[in-house]
Amino acid sequence: MIKVSVMYPNTADIKFDIEYYKNTHLPMITAALGDALKGMEFVLGIGGRVPGEKAPYFAIVDLKFESVAVFQASFGPHAATFAADVPNYTNVAGELQISELM
């Protein structure tokens, strides 16, 4: 099982429409990926390493898949559609990391 994390850096000038992301963008992804998507978790950063420090990431979404191949096969055909929607909710580029769940 793998986890694909999309992490949005908490820049000084970040704009992020949480409601749009939660109620429009993520449901679009869920519908497009269908049964290939095994789970999703959306979190908002509230703090950093020391008290009062801002979180390094404003928002993170984790998507779970059986394998990298399943992720690529299900996500790839929709990648352009997902990317085209980004300006509707943020002005920062998300960083992507693929991890193996242990």
PDB file of N, CA and C in Angstrom:
ATOM      1  N   MET A   1       0.857  -1.172   0.000  1.00  0.00           N
ATOM      2  CA  MET A   1       0.000   0.000   0.000  1.00  0.00           C
ATOM      3  C   MET A   1       0.902   1.232   0.000  1.00  0.00           C
ATOM      4  N   ILE A   2       0.506   2.247  -0.773  1.00  0.00           N
ATOM      5  CA  ILE A   2       1.263   3.496  -0.826  1.00  0.00           C
ATOM      6  C   ILE A   2       0.371   4.668  -0.438  1.00  0.00           C
ATOM      7  N   LYS A   3       1.045   5.752  -0.092  1.00  0.00           N
ATOM      8  CA  LYS A   3       0.353   6.997   0.217  1.00  0.00           C
ATOM      9  C   LYS A   3       0.956   8.077  -0.666  1.00  0.00           C
ATOM     10  N   VAL A   4       0.105   8.821  -1.337  1.00  0.00           N
ATOM     11  CA  VAL A   4       0.528   9.964  -2.131  1.00  0.00           C
ATOM     12  C   VAL A   4       0.116  11.201  -1.351  1.00  0.00           C
ATOM     13  N   SER A   5       1.109  11.973  -0.932  1.00  0.00           N
ATOM     14  CA  SER A   5       0.850  13.188  -0.156  1.00  0.00           C
ATOM     15  C   SER A   5       1.039  14.402  -1.049  1.00  0.00           C
ATOM     16  N   VAL A   6       0.059  15.288  -1.032  1.00  0.00           N
ATOM     17  CA  VAL A   6       0.178  16.581  -1.704  1.00  0.00           C
ATOM     18  C   VAL A   6       0.194  17.612  -0.582  1.00  0.00           C
ATOM     19  N   MET A   7       1.327  18.315  -0.487  1.00  0.00           N
ATOM     20  CA  MET A   7       1.554  19.241   0.621  1.00  0.00           C
ATOM     21  C   MET A   7       1.674  20.656   0.078  1.00  0.00           C
ATOM     22  N   TYR A   8       0.882  21.568   0.643  1.00  0.00           N
ATOM     23  CA  TYR A   8       0.852  22.950   0.182  1.00  0.00           C
ATOM     24  C   TYR A   8       1.658  23.819   1.152  1.00  0.00           C
ATOM     25  N   PRO A   9       2.833  24.320   0.714  1.00  0.00           N
ATOM     26  CA  PRO A   9       3.691  25.115   1.596  1.00  0.00           C
ATOM     27  C   PRO A   9       2.963  26.336   2.163  1.00  0.00           C
ATOM     28  N   ASN A  10       3.234  26.622   3.408  1.00  0.00           N
ATOM     29  CA  ASN A  10       2.604  27.727   4.123  1.00  0.00           C
ATOM     30  C   ASN A  10       3.411  29.003   3.888  1.00  0.00           C
ATOM     31  N   THR A  11       3.327  29.515   2.674  1.00  0.00           N
ATOM     32  CA  THR A  11       4.070  30.718   2.299  1.00  0.00           C
ATOM     33  C   THR A  11       3.426  31.964   2.897  1.00  0.00           C
ATOM     34  N   ALA A  12       4.178  33.045   2.920  1.00  0.00           N
ATOM     35  CA  ALA A  12       3.689  34.306   3.498  1.00  0.00           C
ATOM     36  C   ALA A  12       2.461  34.834   2.764  1.00  0.00           C
ATOM     37  N   ASP A  13       2.377  34.579   1.458  1.00  0.00           N
ATOM     38  CA  ASP A  13       1.272  35.136   0.657  1.00  0.00           C
ATOM     39  C   ASP A  13       0.266  34.070   0.211  1.00  0.00           C
ATOM     40  N   ILE A  14       0.193  32.963   0.921  1.00  0.00           N
ATOM     41  CA  ILE A  14      -0.699  31.883   0.506  1.00  0.00           C
ATOM     42  C   ILE A  14      -2.167  32.310   0.559  1.00  0.00           C
ATOM     43  N   LYS A  15      -2.872  31.880  -0.471  1.00  0.00           N
ATOM     44  CA  LYS A  15      -4.334  31.980  -0.505  1.00  0.00           C
ATOM     45  C   LYS A  15      -4.809  30.550  -0.697  1.00  0.00           C
ATOM     46  N   PHE A  16      -5.722  30.104   0.151  1.00  0.00           N
ATOM     47  CA  PHE A  16      -6.202  28.726   0.078  1.00  0.00           C
ATOM     48  C   PHE A  16      -7.665  28.715   0.498  1.00  0.00           C
ATOM     49  N   ASP A  17      -8.542  28.363  -0.439  1.00  0.00           N
ATOM     50  CA  ASP A  17      -9.977  28.293  -0.182  1.00  0.00           C
ATOM     51  C   ASP A  17     -10.303  26.887   0.339  1.00  0.00           C
ATOM     52  N   ILE A  18     -10.327  26.763   1.654  1.00  0.00           N
ATOM     53  CA  ILE A  18     -10.538  25.471   2.292  1.00  0.00           C
ATOM     54  C   ILE A  18     -11.871  24.862   1.880  1.00  0.00           C
ATOM     55  N   GLU A  19     -12.918  25.649   1.876  1.00  0.00           N
ATOM     56  CA  GLU A  19     -14.256  25.121   1.552  1.00  0.00           C
ATOM     57  C   GLU A  19     -14.321  24.606   0.115  1.00  0.00           C
ATOM     58  N   TYR A  20     -13.735  25.339  -0.815  1.00  0.00           N
ATOM     59  CA  TYR A  20     -13.723  24.874  -2.212  1.00  0.00           C
ATOM     60  C   TYR A  20     -12.935  23.575  -2.316  1.00  0.00           C
ATOM     61  N   TYR A  21     -11.780  23.534  -1.695  1.00  0.00           N
ATOM     62  CA  TYR A  21     -10.935  22.339  -1.755  1.00  0.00           C
ATOM     63  C   TYR A  21     -11.664  21.129  -1.191  1.00  0.00           C
ATOM     64  N   LYS A  22     -12.268  21.319  -0.025  1.00  0.00           N
ATOM     65  CA  LYS A  22     -12.948  20.234   0.685  1.00  0.00           C
ATOM     66  C   LYS A  22     -14.238  19.798  -0.008  1.00  0.00           C
ATOM     67  N   ASN A  23     -14.989  20.751  -0.531  1.00  0.00           N
ATOM     68  CA  ASN A  23     -16.320  20.450  -1.060  1.00  0.00           C
ATOM     69  C   ASN A  23     -16.404  20.295  -2.576  1.00  0.00           C
ATOM     70  N   THR A  24     -15.368  20.718  -3.296  1.00  0.00           N
ATOM     71  CA  THR A  24     -15.391  20.623  -4.763  1.00  0.00           C
ATOM     72  C   THR A  24     -14.195  19.842  -5.305  1.00  0.00           C
ATOM     73  N   HIS A  25     -12.974  20.272  -4.955  1.00  0.00           N
ATOM     74  CA  HIS A  25     -11.786  19.640  -5.537  1.00  0.00           C
ATOM     75  C   HIS A  25     -11.629  18.185  -5.087  1.00  0.00           C
ATOM     76  N   LEU A  26     -11.675  17.939  -3.798  1.00  0.00           N
ATOM     77  CA  LEU A  26     -11.486  16.565  -3.312  1.00  0.00           C
ATOM     78  C   LEU A  26     -12.589  15.614  -3.784  1.00  0.00           C
ATOM     79  N   PRO A  27     -13.862  16.022  -3.782  1.00  0.00           N
ATOM     80  CA  PRO A  27     -14.890  15.130  -4.344  1.00  0.00           C
ATOM     81  C   PRO A  27     -14.673  14.832  -5.833  1.00  0.00           C
ATOM     82  N   MET A  28     -14.154  15.804  -6.583  1.00  0.00           N
ATOM     83  CA  MET A  28     -13.845  15.577  -7.992  1.00  0.00           C
ATOM     84  C   MET A  28     -12.777  14.489  -8.118  1.00  0.00           C
ATOM     85  N   ILE A  29     -11.754  14.559  -7.289  1.00  0.00           N
ATOM     86  CA  ILE A  29     -10.697  13.551  -7.315  1.00  0.00           C
ATOM     87  C   ILE A  29     -11.251  12.181  -6.937  1.00  0.00           C
ATOM     88  N   THR A  30     -12.029  12.143  -5.873  1.00  0.00           N
ATOM     89  CA  THR A  30     -12.618  10.880  -5.425  1.00  0.00           C
ATOM     90  C   THR A  30     -13.444  10.230  -6.532  1.00  0.00           C
ATOM     91  N   ALA A  31     -14.268  11.009  -7.195  1.00  0.00           N
ATOM     92  CA  ALA A  31     -15.111  10.471  -8.277  1.00  0.00           C
ATOM     93  C   ALA A  31     -14.272   9.981  -9.447  1.00  0.00           C
ATOM     94  N   ALA A  32     -13.250  10.734  -9.802  1.00  0.00           N
ATOM     95  CA  ALA A  32     -12.424  10.368 -10.959  1.00  0.00           C
ATOM     96  C   ALA A  32     -11.598   9.106 -10.700  1.00  0.00           C
ATOM     97  N   LEU A  33     -11.095   8.955  -9.491  1.00  0.00           N
ATOM     98  CA  LEU A  33     -10.215   7.818  -9.183  1.00  0.00           C
ATOM     99  C   LEU A  33     -10.991   6.539  -8.883  1.00  0.00           C
ATOM    100  N   GLY A  34     -12.222   6.662  -8.492  1.00  0.00           N
ATOM    101  CA  GLY A  34     -13.065   5.486  -8.259  1.00  0.00           C
ATOM    102  C   GLY A  34     -12.476   4.522  -7.237  1.00  0.00           C
ATOM    103  N   ASP A  35     -12.597   3.242  -7.528  1.00  0.00           N
ATOM    104  CA  ASP A  35     -12.163   2.188  -6.606  1.00  0.00           C
ATOM    105  C   ASP A  35     -10.651   2.115  -6.432  1.00  0.00           C
ATOM    106  N   ALA A  36      -9.888   2.766  -7.302  1.00  0.00           N
ATOM    107  CA  ALA A  36      -8.429   2.761  -7.155  1.00  0.00           C
ATOM    108  C   ALA A  36      -8.006   3.483  -5.880  1.00  0.00           C
ATOM    109  N   LEU A  37      -8.801   4.483  -5.474  1.00  0.00           N
ATOM    110  CA  LEU A  37      -8.513   5.252  -4.272  1.00  0.00           C
ATOM    111  C   LEU A  37      -9.007   4.468  -3.059  1.00  0.00           C
ATOM    112  N   LYS A  38      -8.084   4.087  -2.185  1.00  0.00           N
ATOM    113  CA  LYS A  38      -8.418   3.258  -1.022  1.00  0.00           C
ATOM    114  C   LYS A  38      -8.666   4.065   0.242  1.00  0.00           C
ATOM    115  N   GLY A  39      -8.314   5.330   0.221  1.00  0.00           N
ATOM    116  CA  GLY A  39      -8.543   6.181   1.383  1.00  0.00           C
ATOM    117  C   GLY A  39      -7.994   7.563   1.154  1.00  0.00           C
ATOM    118  N   MET A  40      -8.532   8.534   1.904  1.00  0.00           N
ATOM    119  CA  MET A  40      -8.096   9.923   1.772  1.00  0.00           C
ATOM    120  C   MET A  40      -8.182  10.583   3.141  1.00  0.00           C
ATOM    121  N   GLU A  41      -7.194  11.445   3.415  1.00  0.00           N
ATOM    122  CA  GLU A  41      -7.208  12.225   4.647  1.00  0.00           C
ATOM    123  C   GLU A  41      -6.740  13.636   4.307  1.00  0.00           C
ATOM    124  N   PHE A  42      -7.488  14.626   4.770  1.00  0.00           N
ATOM    125  CA  PHE A  42      -7.180  16.034   4.530  1.00  0.00           C
ATOM    126  C   PHE A  42      -6.945  16.698   5.884  1.00  0.00           C
ATOM    127  N   VAL A  43      -5.788  17.344   6.032  1.00  0.00           N
ATOM    128  CA  VAL A  43      -5.457  18.021   7.289  1.00  0.00           C
ATOM    129  C   VAL A  43      -4.968  19.441   7.020  1.00  0.00           C
ATOM    130  N   LEU A  44      -5.164  20.306   8.021  1.00  0.00           N
ATOM    131  CA  LEU A  44      -4.670  21.679   7.974  1.00  0.00           C
ATOM    132  C   LEU A  44      -3.597  21.838   9.035  1.00  0.00           C
ATOM    133  N   GLY A  45      -2.480  22.460   8.652  1.00  0.00           N
ATOM    134  CA  GLY A  45      -1.394  22.696   9.597  1.00  0.00           C
ATOM    135  C   GLY A  45      -1.762  23.763  10.605  1.00  0.00           C
ATOM    136  N   ILE A  46      -1.450  23.493  11.883  1.00  0.00           N
ATOM    137  CA  ILE A  46      -1.775  24.468  12.930  1.00  0.00           C
ATOM    138  C   ILE A  46      -0.546  24.928  13.714  1.00  0.00           C
ATOM    139  N   GLY A  47       0.591  24.303  13.482  1.00  0.00           N
ATOM    140  CA  GLY A  47       1.777  24.737  14.206  1.00  0.00           C
ATOM    141  C   GLY A  47       3.017  24.017  13.739  1.00  0.00           C
ATOM    142  N   GLY A  48       4.145  24.558  14.126  1.00  0.00           N
ATOM    143  CA  GLY A  48       5.431  23.974  13.763  1.00  0.00           C
ATOM    144  C   GLY A  48       6.097  23.312  14.949  1.00  0.00           C
ATOM    145  N   ARG A  49       7.406  23.199  14.870  1.00  0.00           N
ATOM    146  CA  ARG A  49       8.205  22.472  15.856  1.00  0.00           C
ATOM    147  C   ARG A  49       8.209  23.143  17.229  1.00  0.00           C
ATOM    148  N   VAL A  50       8.221  24.455  17.246  1.00  0.00           N
ATOM    149  CA  VAL A  50       8.251  25.171  18.522  1.00  0.00           C
ATOM    150  C   VAL A  50       6.956  25.976  18.687  1.00  0.00           C
ATOM    151  N   PRO A  51       6.551  26.221  19.935  1.00  0.00           N
ATOM    152  CA  PRO A  51       5.317  26.979  20.169  1.00  0.00           C
ATOM    153  C   PRO A  51       5.338  28.325  19.450  1.00  0.00           C
ATOM    154  N   GLY A  52       4.236  28.617  18.798  1.00  0.00           N
ATOM    155  CA  GLY A  52       4.098  29.886  18.092  1.00  0.00           C
ATOM    156  C   GLY A  52       4.612  29.875  16.662  1.00  0.00           C
ATOM    157  N   GLU A  53       5.326  28.841  16.275  1.00  0.00           N
ATOM    158  CA  GLU A  53       5.846  28.738  14.909  1.00  0.00           C
ATOM    159  C   GLU A  53       4.736  28.249  13.983  1.00  0.00           C
ATOM    160  N   LYS A  54       4.645  28.857  12.796  1.00  0.00           N
ATOM    161  CA  LYS A  54       3.614  28.409  11.873  1.00  0.00           C
ATOM    162  C   LYS A  54       3.988  27.044  11.286  1.00  0.00           C
ATOM    163  N   ALA A  55       2.972  26.297  10.894  1.00  0.00           N
ATOM    164  CA  ALA A  55       3.177  24.979  10.290  1.00  0.00           C
ATOM    165  C   ALA A  55       3.910  25.142   8.960  1.00  0.00           C
ATOM    166  N   PRO A  56       4.804  24.220   8.614  1.00  0.00           N
ATOM    167  CA  PRO A  56       5.503  24.330   7.333  1.00  0.00           C
ATOM    168  C   PRO A  56       4.566  24.142   6.137  1.00  0.00           C
ATOM    169  N   TYR A  57       3.474  23.426   6.359  1.00  0.00           N
ATOM    170  CA  TYR A  57       2.489  23.213   5.292  1.00  0.00           C
ATOM    171  C   TYR A  57       1.135  23.703   5.762  1.00  0.00           C
ATOM    172  N   PHE A  58       0.473  24.475   4.904  1.00  0.00           N
ATOM    173  CA  PHE A  58      -0.861  24.980   5.219  1.00  0.00           C
ATOM    174  C   PHE A  58      -1.870  23.838   5.205  1.00  0.00           C
ATOM    175  N   ALA A  59      -1.767  22.982   4.192  1.00  0.00           N
ATOM    176  CA  ALA A  59      -2.695  21.861   4.039  1.00  0.00           C
ATOM    177  C   ALA A  59      -1.957  20.678   3.441  1.00  0.00           C
ATOM    178  N   ILE A  60      -2.405  19.481   3.816  1.00  0.00           N
ATOM    179  CA  ILE A  60      -1.866  18.239   3.264  1.00  0.00           C
ATOM    180  C   ILE A  60      -3.035  17.302   3.003  1.00  0.00           C
ATOM    181  N   VAL A  61      -3.011  16.671   1.840  1.00  0.00           N
ATOM    182  CA  VAL A  61      -3.971  15.604   1.569  1.00  0.00           C
ATOM    183  C   VAL A  61      -3.172  14.335   1.280  1.00  0.00           C
ATOM    184  N   ASP A  62      -3.609  13.243   1.884  1.00  0.00           N
ATOM    185  CA  ASP A  62      -2.993  11.939   1.673  1.00  0.00           C
ATOM    186  C   ASP A  62      -3.985  11.039   0.947  1.00  0.00           C
ATOM    187  N   LEU A  63      -3.534  10.467  -0.155  1.00  0.00           N
ATOM    188  CA  LEU A  63      -4.350   9.552  -0.959  1.00  0.00           C
ATOM    189  C   LEU A  63      -3.702   8.178  -0.894  1.00  0.00           C
ATOM    190  N   LYS A  64      -4.484   7.147  -0.634  1.00  0.00           N
ATOM    191  CA  LYS A  64      -3.936   5.798  -0.508  1.00  0.00           C
ATOM    192  C   LYS A  64      -4.327   4.935  -1.710  1.00  0.00           C
ATOM    193  N   PHE A  65      -3.339   4.168  -2.182  1.00  0.00           N
ATOM    194  CA  PHE A  65      -3.513   3.273  -3.333  1.00  0.00           C
ATOM    195  C   PHE A  65      -2.811   1.951  -3.045  1.00  0.00           C
ATOM    196  N   GLU A  66      -3.194   0.919  -3.752  1.00  0.00           N
ATOM    197  CA  GLU A  66      -2.559  -0.388  -3.591  1.00  0.00           C
ATOM    198  C   GLU A  66      -1.086  -0.366  -4.013  1.00  0.00           C
ATOM    199  N   SER A  67      -0.759   0.420  -5.049  1.00  0.00           N
ATOM    200  CA  SER A  67       0.610   0.436  -5.568  1.00  0.00           C
ATOM    201  C   SER A  67       0.845   1.715  -6.366  1.00  0.00           C
ATOM    202  N   VAL A  68       2.115   1.957  -6.666  1.00  0.00           N
ATOM    203  CA  VAL A  68       2.465   3.101  -7.518  1.00  0.00           C
ATOM    204  C   VAL A  68       1.830   2.935  -8.894  1.00  0.00           C
ATOM    205  N   ALA A  69       1.847   1.717  -9.421  1.00  0.00           N
ATOM    206  CA  ALA A  69       1.264   1.467 -10.746  1.00  0.00           C
ATOM    207  C   ALA A  69      -0.221   1.801 -10.762  1.00  0.00           C
ATOM    208  N   VAL A  70      -0.946   1.431  -9.715  1.00  0.00           N
ATOM    209  CA  VAL A  70      -2.383   1.738  -9.635  1.00  0.00           C
ATOM    210  C   VAL A  70      -2.585   3.251  -9.544  1.00  0.00           C
ATOM    211  N   PHE A  71      -1.761   3.925  -8.742  1.00  0.00           N
ATOM    212  CA  PHE A  71      -1.840   5.383  -8.661  1.00  0.00           C
ATOM    213  C   PHE A  71      -1.639   6.010 -10.026  1.00  0.00           C
ATOM    214  N   GLN A  72      -0.574   5.620 -10.705  1.00  0.00           N
ATOM    215  CA  GLN A  72      -0.261   6.219 -12.007  1.00  0.00           C
ATOM    216  C   GLN A  72      -1.355   5.946 -13.034  1.00  0.00           C
ATOM    217  N   ALA A  73      -1.876   4.724 -13.053  1.00  0.00           N
ATOM    218  CA  ALA A  73      -2.911   4.366 -14.031  1.00  0.00           C
ATOM    219  C   ALA A  73      -4.214   5.103 -13.771  1.00  0.00           C
ATOM    220  N   SER A  74      -4.552   5.329 -12.504  1.00  0.00           N
ATOM    221  CA  SER A  74      -5.828   5.980 -12.188  1.00  0.00           C
ATOM    222  C   SER A  74      -5.727   7.498 -12.196  1.00  0.00           C
ATOM    223  N   PHE A  75      -4.615   8.043 -11.750  1.00  0.00           N
ATOM    224  CA  PHE A  75      -4.435   9.487 -11.631  1.00  0.00           C
ATOM    225  C   PHE A  75      -4.028  10.127 -12.949  1.00  0.00           C
ATOM    226  N   GLY A  76      -3.142   9.458 -13.679  1.00  0.00           N
ATOM    227  CA  GLY A  76      -2.578  10.016 -14.908  1.00  0.00           C
ATOM    228  C   GLY A  76      -3.583  10.569 -15.900  1.00  0.00           C
ATOM    229  N   PRO A  77      -4.641   9.814 -16.230  1.00  0.00           N
ATOM    230  CA  PRO A  77      -5.608  10.313 -17.208  1.00  0.00           C
ATOM    231  C   PRO A  77      -6.342  11.582 -16.770  1.00  0.00           C
ATOM    232  N   HIS A  78      -6.327  11.884 -15.468  1.00  0.00           N
ATOM    233  CA  HIS A  78      -7.060  13.039 -14.947  1.00  0.00           C
ATOM    234  C   HIS A  78      -6.142  14.158 -14.468  1.00  0.00           C
ATOM    235  N   ALA A  79      -4.841  13.957 -14.561  1.00  0.00           N
ATOM    236  CA  ALA A  79      -3.877  14.911 -13.998  1.00  0.00           C
ATOM    237  C   ALA A  79      -4.079  16.325 -14.540  1.00  0.00           C
ATOM    238  N   ALA A  80      -4.321  16.463 -15.819  1.00  0.00           N
ATOM    239  CA  ALA A  80      -4.496  17.802 -16.406  1.00  0.00           C
ATOM    240  C   ALA A  80      -5.755  18.480 -15.865  1.00  0.00           C
ATOM    241  N   THR A  81      -6.820  17.716 -15.681  1.00  0.00           N
ATOM    242  CA  THR A  81      -8.065  18.263 -15.123  1.00  0.00           C
ATOM    243  C   THR A  81      -7.845  18.713 -13.687  1.00  0.00           C
ATOM    244  N   PHE A  82      -7.168  17.873 -12.892  1.00  0.00           N
ATOM    245  CA  PHE A  82      -6.893  18.233 -11.500  1.00  0.00           C
ATOM    246  C   PHE A  82      -6.033  19.493 -11.444  1.00  0.00           C
ATOM    247  N   ALA A  83      -5.001  19.559 -12.274  1.00  0.00           N
ATOM    248  CA  ALA A  83      -4.090  20.713 -12.285  1.00  0.00           C
ATOM    249  C   ALA A  83      -4.814  21.989 -12.711  1.00  0.00           C
ATOM    250  N   ALA A  84      -5.729  21.872 -13.654  1.00  0.00           N
ATOM    251  CA  ALA A  84      -6.465  23.045 -14.134  1.00  0.00           C
ATOM    252  C   ALA A  84      -7.360  23.644 -13.044  1.00  0.00           C
ATOM    253  N   ASP A  85      -7.715  22.841 -12.060  1.00  0.00           N
ATOM    254  CA  ASP A  85      -8.587  23.308 -10.980  1.00  0.00           C
ATOM    255  C   ASP A  85      -7.815  24.016  -9.863  1.00  0.00           C
ATOM    256  N   VAL A  86      -6.519  23.854  -9.803  1.00  0.00           N
ATOM    257  CA  VAL A  86      -5.711  24.421  -8.711  1.00  0.00           C
ATOM    258  C   VAL A  86      -5.941  25.920  -8.524  1.00  0.00           C
ATOM    259  N   PRO A  87      -5.952  26.752  -9.578  1.00  0.00           N
ATOM    260  CA  PRO A  87      -6.159  28.190  -9.366  1.00  0.00           C
ATOM    261  C   PRO A  87      -7.507  28.530  -8.720  1.00  0.00           C
ATOM    262  N   ASN A  88      -8.441  27.599  -8.712  1.00  0.00           N
ATOM    263  CA  ASN A  88      -9.729  27.846  -8.068  1.00  0.00           C
ATOM    264  C   ASN A  88      -9.645  27.810  -6.541  1.00  0.00           C
ATOM    265  N   TYR A  89      -8.557  27.237  -5.993  1.00  0.00           N
ATOM    266  CA  TYR A  89      -8.478  27.175  -4.535  1.00  0.00           C
ATOM    267  C   TYR A  89      -7.160  27.666  -3.933  1.00  0.00           C
ATOM    268  N   THR A  90      -6.085  27.784  -4.726  1.00  0.00           N
ATOM    269  CA  THR A  90      -4.831  28.259  -4.125  1.00  0.00           C
ATOM    270  C   THR A  90      -3.920  28.932  -5.147  1.00  0.00           C
ATOM    271  N   ASN A  91      -2.971  29.676  -4.608  1.00  0.00           N
ATOM    272  CA  ASN A  91      -1.967  30.342  -5.432  1.00  0.00           C
ATOM    273  C   ASN A  91      -0.574  29.740  -5.226  1.00  0.00           C
ATOM    274  N   VAL A  92      -0.479  28.602  -4.533  1.00  0.00           N
ATOM    275  CA  VAL A  92       0.809  27.939  -4.328  1.00  0.00           C
ATOM    276  C   VAL A  92       0.803  26.560  -4.985  1.00  0.00           C
ATOM    277  N   ALA A  93       1.982  26.121  -5.389  1.00  0.00           N
ATOM    278  CA  ALA A  93       2.111  24.792  -5.987  1.00  0.00           C
ATOM    279  C   ALA A  93       2.274  23.758  -4.883  1.00  0.00           C
ATOM    280  N   GLY A  94       1.504  22.691  -4.977  1.00  0.00           N
ATOM    281  CA  GLY A  94       1.632  21.611  -4.012  1.00  0.00           C
ATOM    282  C   GLY A  94       2.868  20.767  -4.300  1.00  0.00           C
ATOM    283  N   GLU A  95       3.484  20.282  -3.237  1.00  0.00           N
ATOM    284  CA  GLU A  95       4.608  19.357  -3.367  1.00  0.00           C
ATOM    285  C   GLU A  95       4.055  17.946  -3.227  1.00  0.00           C
ATOM    286  N   LEU A  96       4.540  17.013  -4.053  1.00  0.00           N
ATOM    287  CA  LEU A  96       4.022  15.651  -4.045  1.00  0.00           C
ATOM    288  C   LEU A  96       5.091  14.687  -3.562  1.00  0.00           C
ATOM    289  N   GLN A  97       4.684  13.785  -2.694  1.00  0.00           N
ATOM    290  CA  GLN A  97       5.578  12.723  -2.235  1.00  0.00           C
ATOM    291  C   GLN A  97       4.817  11.412  -2.229  1.00  0.00           C
ATOM    292  N   ILE A  98       5.461  10.363  -2.747  1.00  0.00           N
ATOM    293  CA  ILE A  98       4.905   9.007  -2.709  1.00  0.00           C
ATOM    294  C   ILE A  98       5.666   8.242  -1.643  1.00  0.00           C
ATOM    295  N   SER A  99       4.920   7.624  -0.741  1.00  0.00           N
ATOM    296  CA  SER A  99       5.528   6.886   0.377  1.00  0.00           C
ATOM    297  C   SER A  99       4.945   5.472   0.432  1.00  0.00           C
ATOM    298  N   GLU A 100       5.737   4.566   0.958  1.00  0.00           N
ATOM    299  CA  GLU A 100       5.260   3.203   1.185  1.00  0.00           C
ATOM    300  C   GLU A 100       4.779   3.097   2.622  1.00  0.00           C
ATOM    301  N   LEU A 101       3.569   2.580   2.799  1.00  0.00           N
ATOM    302  CA  LEU A 101       3.037   2.377   4.143  1.00  0.00           C
ATOM    303  C   LEU A 101       3.617   1.097   4.710  1.00  0.00           C
ATOM    304  N   MET A 102       4.128   1.175   5.908  1.00  0.00           N
ATOM    305  CA  MET A 102       4.780   0.026   6.544  1.00  0.00           C
ATOM    306  C   MET A 102       3.901  -0.563   7.630  1.00  0.00           C
TER     307      MET A 102
END
